[in-house]
Amino acid sequence: MKLKICGMKNSENISEIAELLPDYLGLIFWEKSARFFDGILPEIPKSILKVGVFVDANFNKISSKIEKYQLDLVQLHGNETPKFCKKLYDSNVSIIKAFSINNDFNFEILKEYESICDYFLFDTKGKLPGGNGTTFDWKLLEKYDSNKPFFLSGGIGLKEMLQIKNFQKTKIAPYCIAIDVNSKFENKAGIKIKKDLSEFKKLLYENEL
């Protein structure tokens, strides 16, 4: 299970967190976000994949950010249609399509996106498209019947490690490619705490409690 650290904002903090060598670093390009990134991206190790997070952005905007920041993946966190995702997918972009989950979520919706994205991402449904800082009931994922790998997101911090370990024992766990963390590792929006992330990564990777 890999680690994605999302909502990076400050160049110095990005360099600091990159020293931990997470698998993915996420930059949010939604202007309304407290973690909106519009700065200078420092050089980071090539092993870290750069993910650009967008909410209902147009094709040209996404393409320009891909080129400017040499993004490896695009995370679509809004109400992007299958048609729009296909247009991006056909332009040779790796796509993570995010879905906000609550008790009423209809997993049948995913079938329209299976062939036009590389990964799904499941986050907690809240007031914002993401970054609400709360977890959803992971038992809902028992309804997941796709083979598409997914990212697990939504209010995940050190206190959720036991919950993650229990999740890893479930039938659905093999499809979970990565844990996505954000607000639970901050001292303010966009500024991540290296010590806490280091501990989380150790526990996640070494399979320890």
N, C-alpha and C. Protein backbone atom coordinates (compact mmCIF):
# COMPACT_ATOMS: atom_id res chain seq x y z
N MET A 1 0.84 -1.18 0.00
CA MET A 1 0.00 0.00 0.00
C MET A 1 0.89 1.25 0.00
N LYS A 2 0.67 2.13 -0.97
CA LYS A 2 1.54 3.30 -1.13
C LYS A 2 0.99 4.50 -0.36
N LEU A 3 1.78 5.58 -0.36
CA LEU A 3 1.41 6.78 0.39
C LEU A 3 1.35 7.99 -0.54
N LYS A 4 0.22 8.70 -0.48
CA LYS A 4 0.07 9.96 -1.21
C LYS A 4 -0.14 11.07 -0.17
N ILE A 5 0.70 12.09 -0.24
CA ILE A 5 0.58 13.25 0.63
C ILE A 5 0.05 14.39 -0.24
N CYS A 6 -1.14 14.86 0.08
CA CYS A 6 -1.81 15.83 -0.77
C CYS A 6 -1.89 17.20 -0.09
N GLY A 7 -2.20 18.22 -0.91
CA GLY A 7 -2.39 19.56 -0.38
C GLY A 7 -1.10 20.27 -0.04
N MET A 8 -0.04 20.00 -0.79
CA MET A 8 1.23 20.69 -0.58
C MET A 8 1.13 22.11 -1.14
N LYS A 9 1.71 23.06 -0.41
CA LYS A 9 1.51 24.46 -0.80
C LYS A 9 2.80 25.28 -0.82
N ASN A 10 3.67 25.07 0.14
CA ASN A 10 4.86 25.89 0.33
C ASN A 10 6.09 25.18 -0.22
N SER A 11 6.90 25.90 -1.01
CA SER A 11 8.06 25.28 -1.68
C SER A 11 9.03 24.66 -0.68
N GLU A 12 9.33 25.38 0.38
CA GLU A 12 10.27 24.86 1.39
C GLU A 12 9.72 23.61 2.06
N ASN A 13 8.42 23.62 2.36
CA ASN A 13 7.78 22.46 2.99
C ASN A 13 7.73 21.27 2.03
N ILE A 14 7.53 21.56 0.75
CA ILE A 14 7.53 20.49 -0.26
C ILE A 14 8.89 19.79 -0.27
N SER A 15 9.97 20.57 -0.26
CA SER A 15 11.32 19.99 -0.25
C SER A 15 11.54 19.15 1.01
N GLU A 16 11.05 19.65 2.13
CA GLU A 16 11.20 18.96 3.41
C GLU A 16 10.45 17.62 3.41
N ILE A 17 9.22 17.64 2.96
CA ILE A 17 8.40 16.43 2.95
C ILE A 17 8.88 15.44 1.90
N ALA A 18 9.43 15.96 0.79
CA ALA A 18 9.95 15.08 -0.26
C ALA A 18 11.10 14.22 0.24
N GLU A 19 11.78 14.66 1.28
CA GLU A 19 12.87 13.87 1.87
C GLU A 19 12.35 12.54 2.43
N LEU A 20 11.07 12.46 2.73
CA LEU A 20 10.47 11.23 3.24
C LEU A 20 10.21 10.21 2.12
N LEU A 21 10.34 10.67 0.88
CA LEU A 21 10.11 9.83 -0.30
C LEU A 21 8.74 9.15 -0.30
N PRO A 22 7.67 9.92 -0.18
CA PRO A 22 6.34 9.32 -0.39
C PRO A 22 6.21 8.91 -1.85
N ASP A 23 5.22 8.12 -2.15
CA ASP A 23 5.04 7.67 -3.53
C ASP A 23 4.43 8.76 -4.42
N TYR A 24 3.56 9.59 -3.81
CA TYR A 24 2.89 10.66 -4.54
C TYR A 24 2.86 11.94 -3.70
N LEU A 25 2.99 13.09 -4.37
CA LEU A 25 2.74 14.38 -3.75
C LEU A 25 1.65 15.08 -4.55
N GLY A 26 0.64 15.61 -3.84
CA GLY A 26 -0.48 16.24 -4.52
C GLY A 26 -0.47 17.75 -4.41
N LEU A 27 -0.72 18.41 -5.53
CA LEU A 27 -0.81 19.87 -5.60
C LEU A 27 -2.23 20.23 -6.02
N ILE A 28 -2.89 21.07 -5.25
CA ILE A 28 -4.29 21.42 -5.52
C ILE A 28 -4.37 22.70 -6.35
N PHE A 29 -5.01 22.60 -7.50
CA PHE A 29 -5.15 23.74 -8.40
C PHE A 29 -6.58 24.28 -8.44
N TRP A 30 -7.30 24.09 -7.37
CA TRP A 30 -8.64 24.65 -7.22
C TRP A 30 -8.53 25.92 -6.40
N GLU A 31 -8.84 27.05 -7.01
CA GLU A 31 -8.58 28.36 -6.41
C GLU A 31 -9.28 28.57 -5.07
N LYS A 32 -10.41 27.91 -4.84
CA LYS A 32 -11.16 28.10 -3.60
C LYS A 32 -10.57 27.33 -2.42
N SER A 33 -9.61 26.48 -2.69
CA SER A 33 -9.01 25.67 -1.62
C SER A 33 -8.03 26.49 -0.79
N ALA A 34 -8.02 26.22 0.52
CA ALA A 34 -7.02 26.84 1.41
C ALA A 34 -5.63 26.33 1.09
N ARG A 35 -5.56 25.27 0.30
CA ARG A 35 -4.26 24.68 -0.06
C ARG A 35 -3.96 24.88 -1.55
N PHE A 36 -4.58 25.88 -2.14
CA PHE A 36 -4.36 26.19 -3.56
C PHE A 36 -2.88 26.44 -3.81
N PHE A 37 -2.34 25.76 -4.81
CA PHE A 37 -0.92 25.90 -5.14
C PHE A 37 -0.76 26.76 -6.39
N ASP A 38 0.04 27.80 -6.23
CA ASP A 38 0.33 28.69 -7.36
C ASP A 38 1.75 29.21 -7.24
N GLY A 39 2.62 28.38 -6.68
CA GLY A 39 3.98 28.84 -6.40
C GLY A 39 5.02 28.18 -7.26
N ILE A 40 6.22 28.13 -6.73
CA ILE A 40 7.35 27.50 -7.42
C ILE A 40 7.51 26.09 -6.88
N LEU A 41 7.52 25.14 -7.79
CA LEU A 41 7.70 23.75 -7.39
C LEU A 41 9.18 23.40 -7.39
N PRO A 42 9.75 23.09 -6.22
CA PRO A 42 11.17 22.76 -6.18
C PRO A 42 11.43 21.40 -6.83
N GLU A 43 12.67 21.15 -7.13
CA GLU A 43 13.03 19.85 -7.69
C GLU A 43 12.88 18.79 -6.61
N ILE A 44 12.21 17.70 -6.95
CA ILE A 44 12.01 16.61 -6.00
C ILE A 44 12.49 15.31 -6.64
N PRO A 45 12.75 14.29 -5.84
CA PRO A 45 13.21 13.02 -6.42
C PRO A 45 12.26 12.47 -7.47
N LYS A 46 12.83 11.89 -8.51
CA LYS A 46 12.01 11.41 -9.63
C LYS A 46 11.10 10.25 -9.24
N SER A 47 11.42 9.60 -8.13
CA SER A 47 10.59 8.47 -7.70
C SER A 47 9.23 8.94 -7.18
N ILE A 48 9.12 10.22 -6.83
CA ILE A 48 7.87 10.77 -6.31
C ILE A 48 7.02 11.26 -7.49
N LEU A 49 5.85 10.70 -7.63
CA LEU A 49 4.96 11.11 -8.72
C LEU A 49 4.16 12.34 -8.30
N LYS A 50 4.10 13.32 -9.18
CA LYS A 50 3.40 14.58 -8.91
C LYS A 50 1.96 14.50 -9.42
N VAL A 51 1.02 14.76 -8.51
CA VAL A 51 -0.40 14.68 -8.84
C VAL A 51 -1.01 16.08 -8.79
N GLY A 52 -1.64 16.49 -9.87
CA GLY A 52 -2.36 17.76 -9.90
C GLY A 52 -3.84 17.52 -9.63
N VAL A 53 -4.38 18.21 -8.62
CA VAL A 53 -5.78 18.02 -8.23
C VAL A 53 -6.63 19.17 -8.80
N PHE A 54 -7.68 18.83 -9.53
CA PHE A 54 -8.53 19.81 -10.19
C PHE A 54 -10.00 19.56 -9.85
N VAL A 55 -10.77 20.63 -9.80
CA VAL A 55 -12.22 20.53 -9.55
C VAL A 55 -12.94 21.23 -10.69
N ASP A 56 -13.51 20.45 -11.58
CA ASP A 56 -14.29 20.98 -12.72
C ASP A 56 -13.52 22.02 -13.53
N ALA A 57 -12.22 21.83 -13.68
CA ALA A 57 -11.40 22.73 -14.51
C ALA A 57 -11.56 22.36 -15.98
N ASN A 58 -11.30 23.33 -16.87
CA ASN A 58 -11.42 23.00 -18.29
C ASN A 58 -10.14 22.31 -18.79
N PHE A 59 -10.27 21.76 -19.99
CA PHE A 59 -9.20 20.95 -20.56
C PHE A 59 -7.91 21.75 -20.71
N ASN A 60 -8.01 22.99 -21.18
CA ASN A 60 -6.82 23.81 -21.42
C ASN A 60 -6.09 24.14 -20.13
N LYS A 61 -6.85 24.43 -19.08
CA LYS A 61 -6.22 24.74 -17.80
C LYS A 61 -5.45 23.54 -17.27
N ILE A 62 -6.08 22.38 -17.34
CA ILE A 62 -5.40 21.17 -16.87
C ILE A 62 -4.14 20.91 -17.69
N SER A 63 -4.26 21.04 -19.00
CA SER A 63 -3.11 20.80 -19.88
C SER A 63 -1.96 21.76 -19.58
N SER A 64 -2.29 23.02 -19.29
CA SER A 64 -1.23 24.00 -19.02
C SER A 64 -0.51 23.70 -17.71
N LYS A 65 -1.25 23.22 -16.71
CA LYS A 65 -0.62 22.88 -15.42
C LYS A 65 0.22 21.62 -15.56
N ILE A 66 -0.23 20.68 -16.37
CA ILE A 66 0.57 19.47 -16.63
C ILE A 66 1.92 19.85 -17.21
N GLU A 67 1.88 20.74 -18.18
CA GLU A 67 3.12 21.17 -18.85
C GLU A 67 4.00 22.00 -17.91
N LYS A 68 3.40 22.94 -17.19
CA LYS A 68 4.17 23.84 -16.33
C LYS A 68 4.88 23.10 -15.20
N TYR A 69 4.18 22.15 -14.58
CA TYR A 69 4.72 21.47 -13.40
C TYR A 69 5.14 20.03 -13.67
N GLN A 70 5.06 19.62 -14.94
CA GLN A 70 5.45 18.25 -15.32
C GLN A 70 4.74 17.22 -14.44
N LEU A 71 3.42 17.35 -14.40
CA LEU A 71 2.61 16.46 -13.57
C LEU A 71 2.60 15.05 -14.14
N ASP A 72 2.62 14.08 -13.25
CA ASP A 72 2.58 12.67 -13.66
C ASP A 72 1.16 12.13 -13.73
N LEU A 73 0.29 12.67 -12.87
CA LEU A 73 -1.10 12.24 -12.85
C LEU A 73 -2.01 13.44 -12.62
N VAL A 74 -3.25 13.30 -13.06
CA VAL A 74 -4.27 14.32 -12.83
C VAL A 74 -5.38 13.70 -11.98
N GLN A 75 -5.73 14.36 -10.89
CA GLN A 75 -6.82 13.91 -10.03
C GLN A 75 -8.02 14.82 -10.25
N LEU A 76 -9.10 14.24 -10.71
CA LEU A 76 -10.32 15.00 -11.01
C LEU A 76 -11.28 14.84 -9.83
N HIS A 77 -11.49 15.94 -9.12
CA HIS A 77 -12.20 15.86 -7.84
C HIS A 77 -13.55 16.58 -7.88
N GLY A 78 -14.07 16.82 -9.09
CA GLY A 78 -15.34 17.51 -9.20
C GLY A 78 -16.41 16.64 -9.81
N ASN A 79 -17.24 17.24 -10.65
CA ASN A 79 -18.33 16.51 -11.31
C ASN A 79 -18.00 16.25 -12.78
N GLU A 80 -16.75 15.93 -13.03
CA GLU A 80 -16.31 15.70 -14.40
C GLU A 80 -17.07 14.52 -15.03
N THR A 81 -17.54 14.71 -16.23
CA THR A 81 -18.33 13.69 -16.92
C THR A 81 -17.42 12.62 -17.51
N PRO A 82 -17.99 11.45 -17.81
CA PRO A 82 -17.20 10.43 -18.51
C PRO A 82 -16.63 10.96 -19.83
N LYS A 83 -17.40 11.77 -20.54
CA LYS A 83 -16.93 12.33 -21.82
C LYS A 83 -15.69 13.19 -21.61
N PHE A 84 -15.71 14.02 -20.56
CA PHE A 84 -14.55 14.88 -20.29
C PHE A 84 -13.35 14.02 -19.89
N CYS A 85 -13.57 13.03 -19.05
CA CYS A 85 -12.47 12.15 -18.63
C CYS A 85 -11.86 11.43 -19.82
N LYS A 86 -12.71 11.02 -20.75
CA LYS A 86 -12.20 10.32 -21.93
C LYS A 86 -11.33 11.23 -22.78
N LYS A 87 -11.72 12.49 -22.90
CA LYS A 87 -10.93 13.44 -23.67
C LYS A 87 -9.53 13.58 -23.06
N LEU A 88 -9.47 13.69 -21.75
CA LEU A 88 -8.18 13.78 -21.07
C LEU A 88 -7.40 12.47 -21.21
N TYR A 89 -8.10 11.37 -20.99
CA TYR A 89 -7.47 10.05 -21.05
C TYR A 89 -6.88 9.79 -22.43
N ASP A 90 -7.59 10.22 -23.45
CA ASP A 90 -7.12 10.03 -24.82
C ASP A 90 -5.93 10.92 -25.17
N SER A 91 -5.68 11.93 -24.33
CA SER A 91 -4.52 12.80 -24.56
C SER A 91 -3.29 12.27 -23.82
N ASN A 92 -3.37 11.00 -23.40
CA ASN A 92 -2.25 10.31 -22.78
C ASN A 92 -1.91 10.85 -21.39
N VAL A 93 -2.95 11.14 -20.63
CA VAL A 93 -2.80 11.60 -19.25
C VAL A 93 -3.27 10.50 -18.31
N SER A 94 -2.51 10.24 -17.26
CA SER A 94 -2.93 9.28 -16.24
C SER A 94 -3.93 9.97 -15.31
N ILE A 95 -5.07 9.33 -15.10
CA ILE A 95 -6.17 9.98 -14.38
C ILE A 95 -6.57 9.21 -13.12
N ILE A 96 -6.74 9.99 -12.04
CA ILE A 96 -7.38 9.50 -10.82
C ILE A 96 -8.73 10.20 -10.75
N LYS A 97 -9.82 9.45 -10.81
CA LYS A 97 -11.15 10.07 -10.69
C LYS A 97 -11.65 9.88 -9.26
N ALA A 98 -11.90 11.00 -8.61
CA ALA A 98 -12.33 10.99 -7.22
C ALA A 98 -13.85 10.97 -7.10
N PHE A 99 -14.32 10.29 -6.07
CA PHE A 99 -15.74 10.23 -5.75
C PHE A 99 -15.93 10.44 -4.26
N SER A 100 -16.94 11.24 -3.92
CA SER A 100 -17.26 11.53 -2.52
C SER A 100 -18.28 10.51 -2.03
N ILE A 101 -17.94 9.85 -0.92
CA ILE A 101 -18.73 8.71 -0.46
C ILE A 101 -19.54 9.05 0.79
N ASN A 102 -20.80 8.67 0.76
CA ASN A 102 -21.63 8.64 1.97
C ASN A 102 -22.52 7.40 1.88
N ASN A 103 -23.43 7.25 2.81
CA ASN A 103 -24.27 6.05 2.86
C ASN A 103 -25.14 5.88 1.62
N ASP A 104 -25.39 6.97 0.90
CA ASP A 104 -26.27 6.92 -0.27
C ASP A 104 -25.52 6.77 -1.59
N PHE A 105 -24.19 6.64 -1.54
CA PHE A 105 -23.42 6.59 -2.79
C PHE A 105 -23.79 5.37 -3.61
N ASN A 106 -24.00 5.59 -4.90
CA ASN A 106 -24.34 4.52 -5.83
C ASN A 106 -23.09 4.06 -6.58
N PHE A 107 -22.59 2.90 -6.22
CA PHE A 107 -21.35 2.40 -6.81
C PHE A 107 -21.52 2.04 -8.29
N GLU A 108 -22.74 1.96 -8.78
CA GLU A 108 -22.98 1.68 -10.19
C GLU A 108 -22.42 2.79 -11.09
N ILE A 109 -22.32 4.00 -10.52
CA ILE A 109 -21.80 5.16 -11.27
C ILE A 109 -20.39 4.89 -11.78
N LEU A 110 -19.64 4.11 -11.03
CA LEU A 110 -18.24 3.88 -11.36
C LEU A 110 -18.06 3.18 -12.71
N LYS A 111 -19.04 2.41 -13.11
CA LYS A 111 -18.91 1.63 -14.36
C LYS A 111 -18.71 2.53 -15.57
N GLU A 112 -19.28 3.74 -15.52
CA GLU A 112 -19.14 4.68 -16.64
C GLU A 112 -17.70 5.19 -16.77
N TYR A 113 -16.93 5.09 -15.69
CA TYR A 113 -15.58 5.66 -15.67
C TYR A 113 -14.47 4.60 -15.73
N GLU A 114 -14.82 3.35 -15.64
CA GLU A 114 -13.81 2.30 -15.52
C GLU A 114 -12.80 2.30 -16.66
N SER A 115 -13.26 2.51 -17.86
CA SER A 115 -12.38 2.39 -19.03
C SER A 115 -11.66 3.70 -19.38
N ILE A 116 -11.97 4.78 -18.64
CA ILE A 116 -11.41 6.09 -19.02
C ILE A 116 -10.68 6.76 -17.86
N CYS A 117 -10.22 5.96 -16.93
CA CYS A 117 -9.33 6.49 -15.88
C CYS A 117 -8.44 5.35 -15.42
N ASP A 118 -7.36 5.69 -14.74
CA ASP A 118 -6.40 4.69 -14.28
C ASP A 118 -6.69 4.23 -12.86
N TYR A 119 -7.22 5.15 -12.06
CA TYR A 119 -7.51 4.85 -10.66
C TYR A 119 -8.79 5.58 -10.24
N PHE A 120 -9.44 5.05 -9.22
CA PHE A 120 -10.48 5.78 -8.50
C PHE A 120 -9.88 6.31 -7.21
N LEU A 121 -10.52 7.30 -6.63
CA LEU A 121 -10.18 7.77 -5.29
C LEU A 121 -11.48 7.98 -4.53
N PHE A 122 -11.54 7.42 -3.33
CA PHE A 122 -12.73 7.53 -2.51
C PHE A 122 -12.47 8.44 -1.32
N ASP A 123 -13.24 9.51 -1.23
CA ASP A 123 -13.09 10.53 -0.19
C ASP A 123 -14.42 10.66 0.53
N THR A 124 -14.42 11.42 1.61
CA THR A 124 -15.64 11.64 2.39
C THR A 124 -16.48 12.74 1.77
N LYS A 125 -17.76 12.48 1.62
CA LYS A 125 -18.67 13.52 1.12
C LYS A 125 -18.87 14.57 2.21
N GLY A 126 -18.67 15.84 1.86
CA GLY A 126 -18.83 16.93 2.82
C GLY A 126 -19.13 18.24 2.11
N LYS A 127 -18.93 19.34 2.81
CA LYS A 127 -19.22 20.65 2.22
C LYS A 127 -18.29 20.99 1.07
N LEU A 128 -17.04 20.51 1.16
CA LEU A 128 -16.04 20.79 0.13
C LEU A 128 -15.82 19.56 -0.74
N PRO A 129 -15.28 19.74 -1.96
CA PRO A 129 -14.99 18.58 -2.81
C PRO A 129 -14.00 17.61 -2.17
N GLY A 130 -13.14 18.13 -1.29
CA GLY A 130 -12.16 17.32 -0.58
C GLY A 130 -11.63 18.11 0.60
N GLY A 131 -10.79 17.47 1.41
CA GLY A 131 -10.18 18.19 2.53
C GLY A 131 -11.14 18.52 3.65
N ASN A 132 -12.16 17.67 3.83
CA ASN A 132 -13.13 17.93 4.89
C ASN A 132 -12.65 17.43 6.26
N GLY A 133 -11.59 16.64 6.26
CA GLY A 133 -10.96 16.23 7.52
C GLY A 133 -11.70 15.15 8.28
N THR A 134 -12.62 14.43 7.62
CA THR A 134 -13.35 13.37 8.29
C THR A 134 -13.30 12.09 7.46
N THR A 135 -13.39 10.96 8.13
CA THR A 135 -13.39 9.68 7.43
C THR A 135 -14.83 9.26 7.13
N PHE A 136 -14.99 8.43 6.13
CA PHE A 136 -16.30 7.82 5.88
C PHE A 136 -16.25 6.37 6.36
N ASP A 137 -17.37 5.72 6.38
CA ASP A 137 -17.45 4.33 6.83
C ASP A 137 -16.87 3.43 5.75
N TRP A 138 -15.67 2.92 5.98
CA TRP A 138 -15.00 2.11 4.96
C TRP A 138 -15.73 0.81 4.67
N LYS A 139 -16.64 0.40 5.53
CA LYS A 139 -17.42 -0.81 5.27
C LYS A 139 -18.29 -0.63 4.03
N LEU A 140 -18.56 0.63 3.66
CA LEU A 140 -19.33 0.89 2.45
C LEU A 140 -18.62 0.34 1.21
N LEU A 141 -17.30 0.22 1.29
CA LEU A 141 -16.52 -0.25 0.14
C LEU A 141 -16.73 -1.74 -0.11
N GLU A 142 -17.43 -2.42 0.78
CA GLU A 142 -17.78 -3.81 0.54
C GLU A 142 -18.68 -3.94 -0.70
N LYS A 143 -19.31 -2.82 -1.07
CA LYS A 143 -20.17 -2.80 -2.27
C LYS A 143 -19.36 -2.62 -3.55
N TYR A 144 -18.06 -2.38 -3.42
CA TYR A 144 -17.21 -2.13 -4.59
C TYR A 144 -17.02 -3.44 -5.35
N ASP A 145 -17.35 -3.45 -6.63
CA ASP A 145 -17.25 -4.69 -7.41
C ASP A 145 -16.42 -4.51 -8.68
N SER A 146 -15.50 -3.56 -8.65
CA SER A 146 -14.62 -3.30 -9.79
C SER A 146 -13.23 -3.85 -9.51
N ASN A 147 -12.46 -4.03 -10.56
CA ASN A 147 -11.05 -4.43 -10.42
C ASN A 147 -10.12 -3.23 -10.51
N LYS A 148 -10.70 -2.05 -10.65
CA LYS A 148 -9.89 -0.83 -10.79
C LYS A 148 -9.23 -0.50 -9.45
N PRO A 149 -7.90 -0.30 -9.40
CA PRO A 149 -7.25 0.08 -8.14
C PRO A 149 -7.69 1.47 -7.70
N PHE A 150 -7.71 1.68 -6.38
CA PHE A 150 -8.19 2.97 -5.87
C PHE A 150 -7.32 3.50 -4.74
N PHE A 151 -7.43 4.83 -4.52
CA PHE A 151 -6.82 5.52 -3.41
C PHE A 151 -7.88 5.68 -2.32
N LEU A 152 -7.48 5.51 -1.07
CA LEU A 152 -8.39 5.71 0.06
C LEU A 152 -8.04 7.02 0.75
N SER A 153 -9.03 7.91 0.84
CA SER A 153 -8.78 9.26 1.34
C SER A 153 -9.86 9.66 2.33
N GLY A 154 -9.68 10.83 2.95
CA GLY A 154 -10.70 11.39 3.82
C GLY A 154 -10.37 11.33 5.30
N GLY A 155 -9.75 12.38 5.82
CA GLY A 155 -9.55 12.50 7.26
C GLY A 155 -8.67 11.44 7.88
N ILE A 156 -7.69 10.95 7.15
CA ILE A 156 -6.82 9.88 7.65
C ILE A 156 -5.60 10.48 8.34
N GLY A 157 -5.37 10.06 9.59
CA GLY A 157 -4.21 10.50 10.37
C GLY A 157 -3.63 9.34 11.15
N LEU A 158 -2.74 9.64 12.07
CA LEU A 158 -2.11 8.59 12.88
C LEU A 158 -3.13 7.81 13.69
N LYS A 159 -4.19 8.48 14.12
CA LYS A 159 -5.20 7.80 14.94
C LYS A 159 -5.98 6.76 14.15
N GLU A 160 -5.89 6.82 12.84
CA GLU A 160 -6.61 5.86 11.98
C GLU A 160 -5.74 4.65 11.62
N MET A 161 -4.53 4.55 12.15
CA MET A 161 -3.64 3.47 11.73
C MET A 161 -4.20 2.09 12.06
N LEU A 162 -4.78 1.92 13.23
CA LEU A 162 -5.38 0.62 13.57
C LEU A 162 -6.52 0.30 12.61
N GLN A 163 -7.29 1.31 12.28
CA GLN A 163 -8.39 1.13 11.32
C GLN A 163 -7.85 0.71 9.95
N ILE A 164 -6.71 1.29 9.56
CA ILE A 164 -6.08 0.93 8.28
C ILE A 164 -5.62 -0.52 8.32
N LYS A 165 -5.02 -0.92 9.44
CA LYS A 165 -4.54 -2.31 9.56
C LYS A 165 -5.70 -3.30 9.48
N ASN A 166 -6.80 -2.94 10.08
CA ASN A 166 -7.98 -3.81 10.00
C ASN A 166 -8.53 -3.84 8.58
N PHE A 167 -8.49 -2.68 7.92
CA PHE A 167 -8.95 -2.61 6.53
C PHE A 167 -8.10 -3.49 5.62
N GLN A 168 -6.80 -3.54 5.91
CA GLN A 168 -5.89 -4.34 5.08
C GLN A 168 -6.21 -5.83 5.11
N LYS A 169 -7.01 -6.26 6.08
CA LYS A 169 -7.38 -7.66 6.20
C LYS A 169 -8.67 -7.99 5.45
N THR A 170 -9.30 -6.96 4.88
CA THR A 170 -10.58 -7.17 4.21
C THR A 170 -10.40 -7.65 2.77
N LYS A 171 -11.47 -8.15 2.17
CA LYS A 171 -11.42 -8.66 0.80
C LYS A 171 -11.16 -7.56 -0.21
N ILE A 172 -11.56 -6.34 0.12
CA ILE A 172 -11.43 -5.23 -0.82
C ILE A 172 -10.03 -4.60 -0.80
N ALA A 173 -9.29 -4.85 0.25
CA ALA A 173 -7.99 -4.20 0.46
C ALA A 173 -7.00 -4.36 -0.70
N PRO A 174 -6.93 -5.51 -1.38
CA PRO A 174 -5.96 -5.65 -2.47
C PRO A 174 -6.14 -4.63 -3.59
N TYR A 175 -7.33 -4.04 -3.70
CA TYR A 175 -7.57 -3.04 -4.74
C TYR A 175 -7.18 -1.63 -4.30
N CYS A 176 -6.86 -1.48 -3.03
CA CYS A 176 -6.45 -0.17 -2.50
C CYS A 176 -4.97 0.03 -2.74
N ILE A 177 -4.64 0.86 -3.72
CA ILE A 177 -3.24 1.03 -4.11
C ILE A 177 -2.50 1.98 -3.17
N ALA A 178 -3.24 2.93 -2.54
CA ALA A 178 -2.55 3.94 -1.74
C ALA A 178 -3.49 4.57 -0.71
N ILE A 179 -2.89 5.04 0.37
CA ILE A 179 -3.57 5.85 1.37
C ILE A 179 -3.22 7.31 1.07
N ASP A 180 -4.25 8.16 1.04
CA ASP A 180 -4.09 9.57 0.72
C ASP A 180 -4.31 10.38 2.01
N VAL A 181 -3.29 11.14 2.41
CA VAL A 181 -3.40 11.94 3.64
C VAL A 181 -3.24 13.42 3.32
N ASN A 182 -3.80 14.25 4.23
CA ASN A 182 -3.74 15.68 4.00
C ASN A 182 -3.84 16.43 5.32
N SER A 183 -5.03 16.87 5.68
CA SER A 183 -5.21 17.85 6.76
C SER A 183 -4.82 17.35 8.15
N LYS A 184 -4.85 16.04 8.38
CA LYS A 184 -4.52 15.52 9.71
C LYS A 184 -3.02 15.60 10.03
N PHE A 185 -2.24 16.05 9.04
CA PHE A 185 -0.78 16.15 9.24
C PHE A 185 -0.30 17.59 9.06
N GLU A 186 -1.13 18.54 9.41
CA GLU A 186 -0.79 19.95 9.21
C GLU A 186 -0.78 20.72 10.53
N ASN A 187 0.07 21.76 10.57
CA ASN A 187 -0.06 22.74 11.65
C ASN A 187 -0.80 23.98 11.16
N LYS A 188 -0.90 24.14 9.83
CA LYS A 188 -1.81 25.08 9.20
C LYS A 188 -2.01 24.63 7.76
N ALA A 189 -3.04 25.14 7.12
CA ALA A 189 -3.43 24.64 5.80
C ALA A 189 -2.26 24.63 4.81
N GLY A 190 -1.95 23.46 4.31
CA GLY A 190 -0.90 23.33 3.30
C GLY A 190 0.49 23.09 3.83
N ILE A 191 0.69 23.24 5.13
CA ILE A 191 2.02 23.05 5.72
C ILE A 191 2.02 21.75 6.53
N LYS A 192 2.75 20.77 6.03
CA LYS A 192 2.74 19.45 6.62
C LYS A 192 3.82 19.28 7.70
N ILE A 193 3.51 18.41 8.67
CA ILE A 193 4.41 18.14 9.79
C ILE A 193 5.23 16.89 9.46
N LYS A 194 6.51 17.08 9.23
CA LYS A 194 7.37 16.00 8.76
C LYS A 194 7.46 14.86 9.77
N LYS A 195 7.59 15.18 11.04
CA LYS A 195 7.74 14.14 12.07
C LYS A 195 6.55 13.19 12.09
N ASP A 196 5.35 13.74 12.04
CA ASP A 196 4.15 12.91 12.07
C ASP A 196 4.01 12.07 10.81
N LEU A 197 4.34 12.66 9.67
CA LEU A 197 4.27 11.91 8.41
C LEU A 197 5.31 10.80 8.36
N SER A 198 6.47 11.06 8.92
CA SER A 198 7.52 10.04 8.98
C SER A 198 7.05 8.83 9.79
N GLU A 199 6.40 9.11 10.91
CA GLU A 199 5.89 8.03 11.76
C GLU A 199 4.79 7.25 11.03
N PHE A 200 3.89 7.98 10.37
CA PHE A 200 2.80 7.34 9.65
C PHE A 200 3.35 6.45 8.53
N LYS A 201 4.31 6.96 7.79
CA LYS A 201 4.89 6.18 6.69
C LYS A 201 5.56 4.91 7.21
N LYS A 202 6.26 5.03 8.31
CA LYS A 202 6.92 3.86 8.89
C LYS A 202 5.90 2.79 9.26
N LEU A 203 4.83 3.21 9.91
CA LEU A 203 3.80 2.26 10.31
C LEU A 203 3.09 1.65 9.10
N LEU A 204 2.85 2.46 8.10
CA LEU A 204 2.16 1.98 6.90
C LEU A 204 3.02 0.99 6.11
N TYR A 205 4.29 1.33 5.92
CA TYR A 205 5.16 0.52 5.08
C TYR A 205 5.68 -0.72 5.79
N GLU A 206 5.97 -0.59 7.08
CA GLU A 206 6.58 -1.71 7.79
C GLU A 206 5.55 -2.64 8.41
N ASN A 207 4.27 -2.29 8.21
CA ASN A 207 3.19 -3.14 8.71
C ASN A 207 3.28 -3.35 10.21
N GLU A 208 3.56 -2.25 10.93
CA GLU A 208 3.68 -2.31 12.39
C GLU A 208 2.58 -1.46 13.02
N LEU A 209 2.29 -1.74 14.27
CA LEU A 209 1.36 -0.94 15.06
C LEU A 209 2.10 -0.38 16.25
